[in-house]
Each structure stands twice: as C-alpha cells, then as structure tokens.
PDB file of N, CA and C in Angstrom:
ATOM      1  N   MET A   1      12.057  -3.141  13.004  1.00  0.00           N
ATOM      2  CA  MET A   1      10.980  -3.957  12.976  1.00  0.00           C
ATOM      3  C   MET A   1      10.084  -3.298  11.636  1.00  0.00           C
ATOM      4  N   PHE A   2       9.967  -1.934  11.685  1.00  0.00           N
ATOM      5  CA  PHE A   2       8.985  -1.107  10.761  1.00  0.00           C
ATOM      6  C   PHE A   2       9.437  -1.147   9.358  1.00  0.00           C
ATOM      7  N   ASN A   3      10.749  -1.587   9.498  1.00  0.00           N
ATOM      8  CA  ASN A   3      11.262  -1.299   7.730  1.00  0.00           C
ATOM      9  C   ASN A   3      11.124  -2.915   7.143  1.00  0.00           C
ATOM     10  N   LEU A   4      10.949  -4.057   8.013  1.00  0.00           N
ATOM     11  CA  LEU A   4      11.168  -5.671   8.027  1.00  0.00           C
ATOM     12  C   LEU A   4       9.390  -5.521   7.295  1.00  0.00           C
ATOM     13  N   PHE A   5       8.084  -4.937   8.059  1.00  0.00           N
ATOM     14  CA  PHE A   5       7.158  -4.858   7.383  1.00  0.00           C
ATOM     15  C   PHE A   5       7.153  -4.453   6.263  1.00  0.00           C
ATOM     16  N   LEU A   6       7.673  -2.935   5.803  1.00  0.00           N
ATOM     17  CA  LEU A   6       7.586  -2.137   4.889  1.00  0.00           C
ATOM     18  C   LEU A   6       8.109  -2.911   3.762  1.00  0.00           C
ATOM     19  N   ILE A   7       9.168  -4.089   3.825  1.00  0.00           N
ATOM     20  CA  ILE A   7       9.824  -4.839   2.613  1.00  0.00           C
ATOM     21  C   ILE A   7       8.988  -6.076   2.441  1.00  0.00           C
ATOM     22  N   ILE A   8       8.545  -6.320   3.370  1.00  0.00           N
ATOM     23  CA  ILE A   8       7.272  -7.391   3.400  1.00  0.00           C
ATOM     24  C   ILE A   8       5.927  -7.084   2.286  1.00  0.00           C
ATOM     25  N   HIS A   9       5.668  -5.302   2.714  1.00  0.00           N
ATOM     26  CA  HIS A   9       4.579  -5.346   1.888  1.00  0.00           C
ATOM     27  C   HIS A   9       4.623  -4.709   0.608  1.00  0.00           C
ATOM     28  N   ALA A  10       6.296  -4.341   0.018  1.00  0.00           N
ATOM     29  CA  ALA A  10       6.381  -4.199  -0.915  1.00  0.00           C
ATOM     30  C   ALA A  10       6.298  -5.658  -1.915  1.00  0.00           C
ATOM     31  N   VAL A  11       7.119  -6.549  -1.209  1.00  0.00           N
ATOM     32  CA  VAL A  11       6.957  -7.654  -2.022  1.00  0.00           C
ATOM     33  C   VAL A  11       5.524  -8.646  -2.277  1.00  0.00           C
ATOM     34  N   LEU A  12       4.595  -8.145  -0.944  1.00  0.00           N
ATOM     35  CA  LEU A  12       3.032  -8.937  -1.162  1.00  0.00           C
ATOM     36  C   LEU A  12       2.530  -7.899  -2.566  1.00  0.00           C
ATOM     37  N   ALA A  13       3.262  -6.524  -2.742  1.00  0.00           N
ATOM     38  CA  ALA A  13       2.206  -5.900  -3.551  1.00  0.00           C
ATOM     39  C   ALA A  13       2.599  -6.183  -5.081  1.00  0.00           C
ATOM     40  N   LEU A  14       4.290  -6.527  -5.222  1.00  0.00           N
ATOM     41  CA  LEU A  14       4.482  -6.870  -6.333  1.00  0.00           C
ATOM     42  C   LEU A  14       3.775  -8.549  -6.647  1.00  0.00           C
ATOM     43  N   THR A  15       3.727  -9.102  -5.778  1.00  0.00           N
ATOM     44  CA  THR A  15       3.526 -10.514  -5.975  1.00  0.00           C
ATOM     45  C   THR A  15       1.771 -10.460  -6.247  1.00  0.00           C
ATOM     46  N   LEU A  16       1.272  -9.500  -5.765  1.00  0.00           N
ATOM     47  CA  LEU A  16      -0.095  -9.853  -5.850  1.00  0.00           C
ATOM     48  C   LEU A  16      -0.521  -9.281  -7.131  1.00  0.00           C
ATOM     49  N   ILE A  17      -0.004  -7.803  -7.721  1.00  0.00           N
ATOM     50  CA  ILE A  17       0.169  -7.395  -9.139  1.00  0.00           C
ATOM     51  C   ILE A  17       0.419  -8.651 -10.078  1.00  0.00           C
ATOM     52  N   ILE A  18       1.624  -9.481  -9.672  1.00  0.00           N
ATOM     53  CA  ILE A  18       1.798 -10.426 -10.921  1.00  0.00           C
ATOM     54  C   ILE A  18       0.844 -11.713 -11.041  1.00  0.00           C
ATOM     55  N   ILE A  19       0.348 -11.984  -9.413  1.00  0.00           N
ATOM     56  CA  ILE A  19      -0.742 -12.727  -9.925  1.00  0.00           C
ATOM     57  C   ILE A  19      -1.834 -12.729 -10.623  1.00  0.00           C
ATOM     58  N   ILE A  20      -2.433 -11.351 -10.035  1.00  0.00           N
ATOM     59  CA  ILE A  20      -3.646 -10.844 -10.825  1.00  0.00           C
ATOM     60  C   ILE A  20      -3.301 -10.750 -12.445  1.00  0.00           C
ATOM     61  N   LEU A  21      -2.305 -10.298 -12.922  1.00  0.00           N
ATOM     62  CA  LEU A  21      -1.769 -10.421 -14.689  1.00  0.00           C
ATOM     63  C   LEU A  21      -1.909 -11.815 -15.101  1.00  0.00           C
ATOM     64  N   MET A  22      -1.614 -12.532 -14.304  1.00  0.00           N
ATOM     65  CA  MET A  22      -1.167 -14.207 -14.444  1.00  0.00           C
ATOM     66  C   MET A  22      -2.608 -14.763 -15.039  1.00  0.00           C
ATOM     67  N   GLN A  23      -3.997 -13.970 -14.133  1.00  0.00           N
ATOM     68  CA  GLN A  23      -5.204 -14.670 -14.250  1.00  0.00           C
ATOM     69  C   GLN A  23      -5.574 -14.779 -15.858  1.00  0.00           C
ATOM     70  N   ARG A  24      -6.543 -15.429 -16.206  1.00  0.00           N
ATOM     71  CA  ARG A  24      -7.327 -15.724 -17.757  1.00  0.00           C
ATOM     72  C   ARG A  24      -8.437 -14.279 -17.628  1.00  0.00           C
ATOM     73  N   SER A  25      -8.181 -14.187 -18.484  1.00  0.00           N
ATOM     74  CA  SER A  25      -9.399 -12.753 -18.880  1.00  0.00           C
ATOM     75  C   SER A  25     -10.027 -12.866 -20.297  1.00  0.00           C
ATOM     76  N   ASP A  26     -10.678 -12.114 -20.390  1.00  0.00           N
ATOM     77  CA  ASP A  26     -11.306 -12.041 -22.024  1.00  0.00           C
ATOM     78  C   ASP A  26     -10.497 -11.214 -22.812  1.00  0.00           C
ATOM     79  N   GLY A  27     -10.068 -10.191 -22.208  1.00  0.00           N
ATOM     80  CA  GLY A  27      -8.793  -9.074 -22.633  1.00  0.00           C
ATOM     81  C   GLY A  27      -7.609  -9.741 -22.899  1.00  0.00           C
ATOM     82  N   GLY A  28      -7.190 -11.116 -22.164  1.00  0.00           N
ATOM     83  CA  GLY A  28      -6.230 -11.648 -22.565  1.00  0.00           C
ATOM     84  C   GLY A  28      -5.335 -11.832 -21.352  1.00  0.00           C
ATOM     85  N   ALA A  29      -4.421 -10.255 -21.166  1.00  0.00           N
ATOM     86  CA  ALA A  29      -3.556 -10.124 -19.871  1.00  0.00           C
ATOM     87  C   ALA A  29      -2.505 -10.837 -20.175  1.00  0.00           C
ATOM     88  N   LEU A  30      -2.033 -11.767 -19.268  1.00  0.00           N
ATOM     89  CA  LEU A  30      -0.818 -12.351 -19.051  1.00  0.00           C
ATOM     90  C   LEU A  30      -0.834 -14.005 -19.444  1.00  0.00           C
ATOM     91  N   GLY A  31      -2.090 -14.141 -18.919  1.00  0.00           N
ATOM     92  CA  GLY A  31      -2.706 -15.633 -18.815  1.00  0.00           C
ATOM     93  C   GLY A  31      -1.902 -16.322 -19.917  1.00  0.00           C
ATOM     94  N   GLY A  32      -2.117 -15.944 -20.994  1.00  0.00           N
ATOM     95  CA  GLY A  32      -1.802 -16.938 -22.312  1.00  0.00           C
ATOM     96  C   GLY A  32       0.043 -17.327 -22.572  1.00  0.00           C
ATOM     97  N   ILE A  33       0.762 -16.725 -21.448  1.00  0.00           N
ATOM     98  CA  ILE A  33       1.912 -17.114 -21.595  1.00  0.00           C
ATOM     99  C   ILE A  33       2.218 -18.274 -21.684  1.00  0.00           C
ATOM    100  N   GLY A  34       3.091 -19.012 -22.434  1.00  0.00           N
ATOM    101  CA  GLY A  34       3.451 -20.576 -22.354  1.00  0.00           C
ATOM    102  C   GLY A  34       2.306 -21.252 -23.160  1.00  0.00           C
ATOM    103  N   GLY A  35       1.773 -21.026 -23.953  1.00  0.00           N
ATOM    104  CA  GLY A  35       0.894 -21.650 -24.649  1.00  0.00           C
ATOM    105  C   GLY A  35      -0.713 -21.347 -24.060  1.00  0.00           C
ATOM    106  N   GLY A  36      -0.762 -20.282 -23.351  1.00  0.00           N
ATOM    107  CA  GLY A  36      -2.059 -20.818 -22.807  1.00  0.00           C
ATOM    108  C   GLY A  36      -2.656 -21.472 -21.684  1.00  0.00           C
ATOM    109  N   SER A  37      -1.581 -22.176 -21.069  1.00  0.00           N
ATOM    110  CA  SER A  37      -1.552 -22.953 -19.920  1.00  0.00           C
ATOM    111  C   SER A  37      -0.515 -23.196 -19.140  1.00  0.00           C
ATOM    112  N   PHE A  38      -0.861 -23.673 -17.752  1.00  0.00           N
ATOM    113  CA  PHE A  38       0.405 -24.121 -17.203  1.00  0.00           C
ATOM    114  C   PHE A  38       0.572 -25.379 -17.561  1.00  0.00           C
ATOM    115  N   SER A  39       2.059 -26.195 -17.204  1.00  0.00           N
ATOM    116  CA  SER A  39       2.420 -27.009 -17.072  1.00  0.00           C
ATOM    117  C   SER A  39       2.632 -27.832 -15.724  1.00  0.00           C
ATOM    118  N   GLY A  40       2.329 -29.224 -15.332  1.00  0.00           N
ATOM    119  CA  GLY A  40       2.631 -29.935 -14.357  1.00  0.00           C
ATOM    120  C   GLY A  40       0.958 -29.546 -13.702  1.00  0.00           C
ATOM    121  N   MET A  41       0.901 -29.598 -12.632  1.00  0.00           N
ATOM    122  CA  MET A  41      -0.422 -29.619 -11.632  1.00  0.00           C
ATOM    123  C   MET A  41      -1.296 -28.524 -12.310  1.00  0.00           C
ATOM    124  N   LEU A  42      -0.712 -27.307 -12.662  1.00  0.00           N
ATOM    125  CA  LEU A  42      -1.703 -26.608 -12.957  1.00  0.00           C
ATOM    126  C   LEU A  42      -2.106 -26.349 -14.373  1.00  0.00           C
ATOM    127  N   THR A  43      -3.088 -27.365 -14.341  1.00  0.00           N
ATOM    128  CA  THR A  43      -3.908 -27.381 -15.873  1.00  0.00           C
ATOM    129  C   THR A  43      -5.067 -27.232 -15.729  1.00  0.00           C
ATOM    130  N   GLY A  44      -5.709 -26.401 -17.043  1.00  0.00           N
ATOM    131  CA  GLY A  44      -7.001 -26.228 -16.878  1.00  0.00           C
ATOM    132  C   GLY A  44      -7.645 -25.625 -15.998  1.00  0.00           C
ATOM    133  N   ARG A  45      -9.017 -26.292 -15.812  1.00  0.00           N
ATOM    134  CA  ARG A  45      -9.871 -25.432 -14.470  1.00  0.00           C
ATOM    135  C   ARG A  45      -8.933 -25.163 -13.309  1.00  0.00           C
ATOM    136  N   SER A  46      -7.984 -26.088 -12.936  1.00  0.00           N
ATOM    137  CA  SER A  46      -7.539 -26.191 -11.612  1.00  0.00           C
ATOM    138  C   SER A  46      -6.365 -25.040 -11.564  1.00  0.00           C
ATOM    139  N   SER A  47      -6.142 -24.398 -12.476  1.00  0.00           N
ATOM    140  CA  SER A  47      -5.074 -23.708 -12.590  1.00  0.00           C
ATOM    141  C   SER A  47      -5.955 -21.790 -12.123  1.00  0.00           C
ATOM    142  N   ALA A  48      -6.948 -22.101 -12.370  1.00  0.00           N
ATOM    143  CA  ALA A  48      -7.926 -20.789 -12.455  1.00  0.00           C
ATOM    144  C   ALA A  48      -8.279 -20.801 -10.809  1.00  0.00           C
ATOM    145  N   ASN A  49      -8.713 -21.817 -10.466  1.00  0.00           N
ATOM    146  CA  ASN A  49      -8.874 -22.261  -9.281  1.00  0.00           C
ATOM    147  C   ASN A  49      -7.739 -21.916  -8.328  1.00  0.00           C
ATOM    148  N   PHE A  50      -6.848 -22.369  -8.603  1.00  0.00           N
ATOM    149  CA  PHE A  50      -5.709 -22.154  -7.839  1.00  0.00           C
ATOM    150  C   PHE A  50      -5.366 -20.511  -7.755  1.00  0.00           C
ATOM    151  N   LEU A  51      -5.230 -20.181  -8.897  1.00  0.00           N
ATOM    152  CA  LEU A  51      -4.513 -18.525  -9.203  1.00  0.00           C
ATOM    153  C   LEU A  51      -5.515 -17.980  -8.486  1.00  0.00           C
ATOM    154  N   THR A  52      -7.083 -18.103  -8.199  1.00  0.00           N
ATOM    155  CA  THR A  52      -8.098 -17.520  -7.563  1.00  0.00           C
ATOM    156  C   THR A  52      -8.160 -17.573  -6.139  1.00  0.00           C
ATOM    157  N   LYS A  53      -7.829 -18.538  -5.413  1.00  0.00           N
ATOM    158  CA  LYS A  53      -7.252 -18.895  -4.254  1.00  0.00           C
ATOM    159  C   LYS A  53      -6.168 -18.246  -3.503  1.00  0.00           C
ATOM    160  N   LEU A  54      -5.433 -18.546  -4.687  1.00  0.00           N
ATOM    161  CA  LEU A  54      -4.023 -17.567  -4.137  1.00  0.00           C
ATOM    162  C   LEU A  54      -4.145 -16.045  -4.168  1.00  0.00           C
ATOM    163  N   THR A  55      -4.881 -15.516  -5.209  1.00  0.00           N
ATOM    164  CA  THR A  55      -4.625 -14.135  -5.191  1.00  0.00           C
ATOM    165  C   THR A  55      -5.617 -13.800  -3.954  1.00  0.00           C
ATOM    166  N   ALA A  56      -6.550 -14.443  -3.079  1.00  0.00           N
ATOM    167  CA  ALA A  56      -7.386 -13.873  -2.221  1.00  0.00           C
ATOM    168  C   ALA A  56      -6.329 -13.999  -0.889  1.00  0.00           C
ATOM    169  N   VAL A  57      -5.532 -15.204  -0.780  1.00  0.00           N
ATOM    170  CA  VAL A  57      -4.925 -15.409   0.322  1.00  0.00           C
ATOM    171  C   VAL A  57      -3.723 -14.473   0.251  1.00  0.00           C
ATOM    172  N   ILE A  58      -3.029 -13.992  -1.068  1.00  0.00           N
ATOM    173  CA  ILE A  58      -2.186 -12.689  -0.845  1.00  0.00           C
ATOM    174  C   ILE A  58      -2.655 -11.525  -0.683  1.00  0.00           C
ATOM    175  N   ALA A  59      -4.151 -11.455  -0.978  1.00  0.00           N
ATOM    176  CA  ALA A  59      -4.678  -9.669  -0.689  1.00  0.00           C
ATOM    177  C   ALA A  59      -4.982  -9.839   0.582  1.00  0.00           C
ATOM    178  N   ALA A  60      -5.278 -10.900   1.171  1.00  0.00           N
ATOM    179  CA  ALA A  60      -5.818 -10.988   2.625  1.00  0.00           C
ATOM    180  C   ALA A  60      -4.583 -10.880   3.406  1.00  0.00           C
ATOM    181  N   LEU A  61      -3.380 -11.041   3.198  1.00  0.00           N
ATOM    182  CA  LEU A  61      -2.082 -10.981   3.584  1.00  0.00           C
ATOM    183  C   LEU A  61      -1.429  -9.310   3.530  1.00  0.00           C
ATOM    184  N   PHE A  62      -1.781  -8.606   2.374  1.00  0.00           N
ATOM    185  CA  PHE A  62      -1.717  -7.289   2.149  1.00  0.00           C
ATOM    186  C   PHE A  62      -2.210  -6.635   3.044  1.00  0.00           C
ATOM    187  N   LEU A  63      -3.520  -6.905   3.211  1.00  0.00           N
ATOM    188  CA  LEU A  63      -4.578  -6.398   3.742  1.00  0.00           C
ATOM    189  C   LEU A  63      -4.037  -5.910   5.169  1.00  0.00           C
ATOM    190  N   GLY A  64      -3.661  -7.203   5.563  1.00  0.00           N
ATOM    191  CA  GLY A  64      -3.306  -7.460   7.167  1.00  0.00           C
ATOM    192  C   GLY A  64      -1.817  -6.693   7.238  1.00  0.00           C
ATOM    193  N   ASN A  65      -1.231  -6.652   6.761  1.00  0.00           N
ATOM    194  CA  ASN A  65       0.301  -6.092   6.823  1.00  0.00           C
ATOM    195  C   ASN A  65      -0.002  -4.354   6.586  1.00  0.00           C
ATOM    196  N   SER A  66      -1.137  -4.154   5.892  1.00  0.00           N
ATOM    197  CA  SER A  66      -1.258  -2.504   6.076  1.00  0.00           C
ATOM    198  C   SER A  66      -1.939  -1.945   7.084  1.00  0.00           C
ATOM    199  N   LEU A  67      -2.665  -3.050   7.679  1.00  0.00           N
ATOM    200  CA  LEU A  67      -3.476  -2.689   9.030  1.00  0.00           C
ATOM    201  C   LEU A  67      -2.011  -2.572  10.056  1.00  0.00           C
ATOM    202  N   LEU A  68      -1.440  -3.556  10.117  1.00  0.00           N
ATOM    203  CA  LEU A  68      -0.407  -3.379  11.264  1.00  0.00           C
ATOM    204  C   LEU A  68       0.662  -2.508  10.690  1.00  0.00           C
ATOM    205  N   LEU A  69       1.025  -2.185   9.329  1.00  0.00           N
ATOM    206  CA  LEU A  69       2.192  -0.717   8.953  1.00  0.00           C
ATOM    207  C   LEU A  69       1.259   0.433   9.781  1.00  0.00           C
ATOM    208  N   ALA A  70       0.001   0.572   9.433  1.00  0.00           N
ATOM    209  CA  ALA A  70      -0.888   1.547  10.189  1.00  0.00           C
ATOM    210  C   ALA A  70      -0.521   2.022  11.322  1.00  0.00           C
ATOM    211  N   ILE A  71      -0.775   0.965  12.076  1.00  0.00           N
ATOM    212  CA  ILE A  71      -0.557   0.879  13.644  1.00  0.00           C
ATOM    213  C   ILE A  71       0.318   1.018  14.105  1.00  0.00           C
ATOM    214  N   LEU A  72       2.130   0.381  13.464  1.00  0.00           N
ATOM    215  CA  LEU A  72       3.309   0.718  14.011  1.00  0.00           C
ATOM    216  C   LEU A  72       3.299   2.296  13.656  1.00  0.00           C
ATOM    217  N   SER A  73       3.146   2.891  12.561  1.00  0.00           N
ATOM    218  CA  SER A  73       3.396   3.948  12.045  1.00  0.00           C
ATOM    219  C   SER A  73       2.792   4.969  12.855  1.00  0.00           C
ATOM    220  N   GLY A  74       1.624   4.687  13.743  1.00  0.00           N
ATOM    221  CA  GLY A  74       1.143   5.371  14.836  1.00  0.00           C
ATOM    222  C   GLY A  74       1.857   5.732  16.190  1.00  0.00           C
ATOM    223  N   ASN A  75       2.446   4.575  16.229  1.00  0.00           N
ATOM    224  CA  ASN A  75       3.740   4.545  17.660  1.00  0.00           C
ATOM    225  C   ASN A  75       4.890   5.253  17.173  1.00  0.00           C
ATOM    226  N   LEU A  76       5.118   5.442  16.473  1.00  0.00           N
ATOM    227  CA  LEU A  76       6.491   6.156  15.633  1.00  0.00           C
ATOM    228  C   LEU A  76       6.151   7.623  15.796  1.00  0.00           C
ATOM    229  N   LYS A  77       5.305   8.290  16.696  1.00  0.00           N
ATOM    230  CA  LYS A  77       5.350   9.704  16.687  1.00  0.00           C
ATOM    231  C   LYS A  77       6.567  10.755  16.823  1.00  0.00           C
ATOM    232  N   GLU A  78       7.083  11.226  16.081  1.00  0.00           N
ATOM    233  CA  GLU A  78       8.061  12.305  16.210  1.00  0.00           C
ATOM    234  C   GLU A  78       7.638  13.689  15.693  1.00  0.00           C
ATOM    235  N   LYS A  79       8.465  14.699  16.068  1.00  0.00           N
ATOM    236  CA  LYS A  79       8.169  16.031  15.954  1.00  0.00           C
ATOM    237  C   LYS A  79       8.052  16.296  14.547  1.00  0.00           C
ATOM    238  N   SER A  80       7.273  17.011  14.064  1.00  0.00           N
ATOM    239  CA  SER A  80       7.201  17.130  12.625  1.00  0.00           C
ATOM    240  C   SER A  80       7.684  18.760  12.581  1.00  0.00           C
ATOM    241  N   ILE A  81       8.249  18.759  11.156  1.00  0.00           N
ATOM    242  CA  ILE A  81       8.710  20.126  10.886  1.00  0.00           C
ATOM    243  C   ILE A  81       7.870  21.322  11.169  1.00  0.00           C
ATOM    244  N   VAL A  82       6.886  20.798  10.815  1.00  0.00           N
ATOM    245  CA  VAL A  82       5.721  22.012  10.846  1.00  0.00           C
ATOM    246  C   VAL A  82       5.291  21.980  11.817  1.00  0.00           C
ATOM    247  N   ASN A  83       5.068  21.507  12.617  1.00  0.00           N
ATOM    248  CA  ASN A  83       4.718  21.812  14.165  1.00  0.00           C
ATOM    249  C   ASN A  83       5.920  22.514  15.058  1.00  0.00           C
ATOM    250  N   GLU A  84       7.289  22.014  14.942  1.00  0.00           N
ATOM    251  CA  GLU A  84       7.950  23.021  15.533  1.00  0.00           C
ATOM    252  C   GLU A  84       8.354  24.391  14.562  1.00  0.00           C
ATOM    253  N   THR A  85       8.054  24.497  13.421  1.00  0.00           N
ATOM    254  CA  THR A  85       8.276  26.038  12.491  1.00  0.00           C
ATOM    255  C   THR A  85       7.144  26.632  13.338  1.00  0.00           C
ATOM    256  N   ILE A  86       5.836  26.198  13.491  1.00  0.00           N
ATOM    257  CA  ILE A  86       4.862  26.815  13.972  1.00  0.00           C
ATOM    258  C   ILE A  86       4.653  27.280  15.292  1.00  0.00           C
ATOM    259  N   ILE A  87       5.312  26.429  16.114  1.00  0.00           N
ATOM    260  CA  ILE A  87       5.587  26.924  17.708  1.00  0.00           C
ATOM    261  C   ILE A  87       6.522  27.706  17.647  1.00  0.00           C
ATOM    262  N   GLU A  88       7.667  27.637  16.881  1.00  0.00           N
ATOM    263  CA  GLU A  88       8.491  28.863  16.763  1.00  0.00           C
ATOM    264  C   GLU A  88       8.008  30.061  16.549  1.00  0.00           C
ATOM    265  N   ASP A  89       7.381  30.184  15.601  1.00  0.00           N
ATOM    266  CA  ASP A  89       7.009  31.792  14.894  1.00  0.00           C
ATOM    267  C   ASP A  89       6.288  31.946  15.588  1.00  0.00           C
ATOM    268  N   PHE A  90       5.013  31.344  16.464  1.00  0.00           N
ATOM    269  CA  PHE A  90       4.446  32.193  17.511  1.00  0.00           C
ATOM    270  C   PHE A  90       4.822  32.478  18.802  1.00  0.00           C
ATOM    271  N   SER A  91       6.048  31.829  18.908  1.00  0.00           N
ATOM    272  CA  SER A  91       6.147  32.000  20.301  1.00  0.00           C
ATOM    273  C   SER A  91       7.598  33.173  20.466  1.00  0.00           C
ATOM    274  N   GLU A  92       7.971  33.513  19.356  1.00  0.00           N
ATOM    275  CA  GLU A  92       8.997  34.650  18.981  1.00  0.00           C
ATOM    276  C   GLU A  92       8.060  35.907  19.173  1.00  0.00           C
ATOM    277  N   ASP A  93       6.609  35.987  18.788  1.00  0.00           N
ATOM    278  CA  ASP A  93       5.689  37.378  18.557  1.00  0.00           C
ATOM    279  C   ASP A  93       4.361  37.060  19.515  1.00  0.00           C
ATOM    280  N   GLU A  94       4.290  37.965  20.416  1.00  0.00           N
ATOM    281  CA  GLU A  94       3.300  37.378  21.369  1.00  0.00           C
ATOM    282  C   GLU A  94       2.070  38.398  20.863  1.00  0.00           C
ATOM    283  N   ASN A  95       2.619  39.428  19.862  1.00  0.00           N
ATOM    284  CA  ASN A  95       1.345  40.705  19.335  1.00  0.00           C
ATOM    285  C   ASN A  95       0.931  40.198  18.169  1.00  0.00           C
ATOM    286  N   ILE A  96       0.784  38.785  18.045  1.00  0.00           N
ATOM    287  CA  ILE A  96       0.499  38.759  16.652  1.00  0.00           C
ATOM    288  C   ILE A  96      -0.859  39.019  16.312  1.00  0.00           C
ATOM    289  N   LYS A  97      -1.382  39.491  15.317  1.00  0.00           N
ATOM    290  CA  LYS A  97      -2.588  40.029  15.216  1.00  0.00           C
ATOM    291  C   LYS A  97      -2.857  39.736  13.609  1.00  0.00           C
ATOM    292  N   PRO A  98      -4.165  39.321  13.441  1.00  0.00           N
ATOM    293  CA  PRO A  98      -4.693  38.902  12.148  1.00  0.00           C
ATOM    294  C   PRO A  98      -4.439  40.124  11.053  1.00  0.00           C
ATOM    295  N   ILE A  99      -4.226  40.053   9.758  1.00  0.00           N
ATOM    296  CA  ILE A  99      -4.201  41.004   9.071  1.00  0.00           C
ATOM    297  C   ILE A  99      -5.474  41.314   8.375  1.00  0.00           C
ATOM    298  N   VAL A 100      -6.344  42.342   9.036  1.00  0.00           N
ATOM    299  CA  VAL A 100      -7.515  42.326   8.374  1.00  0.00           C
ATOM    300  C   VAL A 100      -7.798  43.992   7.640  1.00  0.00           C
ATOM    301  N   PRO A 101      -8.607  44.130   6.938  1.00  0.00           N
ATOM    302  CA  PRO A 101      -8.495  45.459   6.088  1.00  0.00           C
ATOM    303  C   PRO A 101      -9.083  46.260   6.773  1.00  0.00           C
ATOM    304  N   GLU A 102      -8.450  47.656   6.766  1.00  0.00           N
ATOM    305  CA  GLU A 102      -9.027  48.753   7.302  1.00  0.00           C
ATOM    306  C   GLU A 102     -10.479  49.036   6.950  1.00  0.00           C
ATOM    307  N   THR A 103     -11.340  49.348   7.849  1.00  0.00           N
ATOM    308  CA  THR A 103     -12.519  50.180   7.268  1.00  0.00           C
ATOM    309  C   THR A 103     -12.796  51.659   7.682  1.00  0.00           C
ATOM    310  N   GLU A 104     -13.367  52.331   6.817  1.00  0.00           N
ATOM    311  CA  GLU A 104     -13.170  53.379   7.224  1.00  0.00           C
ATOM    312  C   GLU A 104     -14.591  54.130   7.803  1.00  0.00           C
TER     313      GLU A 104
END
C-alpha cells in the first residue's frame, strides 16, 4: 500500500513540474512550445486559466498525498540499526563512565 502511494507521489511530482514549466512567464520557460499557443480548446486566455487551475489541483493532490505518506510511514515503525547498536553497546558494559579530564 505504501509503495503504491509512493509511486503516485512521484508521478504527481513530475506532472506538477511539467505543468509549471508549461505556463507562460516573462522569462519564456516552456510556454512557447508549439508556436506560442496550444491547439484545440486550449487557446489564448483559456490555456492560462486552465493551466492555473490544473496546477492548483495537482498541487493539492500532491500535498494530500504527502500527508498520507507521512501518516503511513509513522505506522511502519521498525527497529532502527542505530537504536539496536546503542542498546547493545550499553547493555554489555554496565560500568560505563563518561570520559572526563582528570584534575590535579
């Protein structure tokens, strides 16, 4: 289940990057591909409006998926190698003392 949402997250991230790069800006970006406008129903002002709305929807899906992945990863608590190492090191020697410089 976690891997499925991870794949969806990667696809949403790539889609969001592509859609943002397609938007027209003063710097040019990739908005000028294909003669400066899209063909079909995406022409003129409607293309900018459509891309803006699509960006907002994809960004909302990306944010929701990020939160869902964070919740799911909290449920996958496994022992960490760091915790095992620390527990093993301290459990073997009970007379562990901190190293402090000796004073005269």
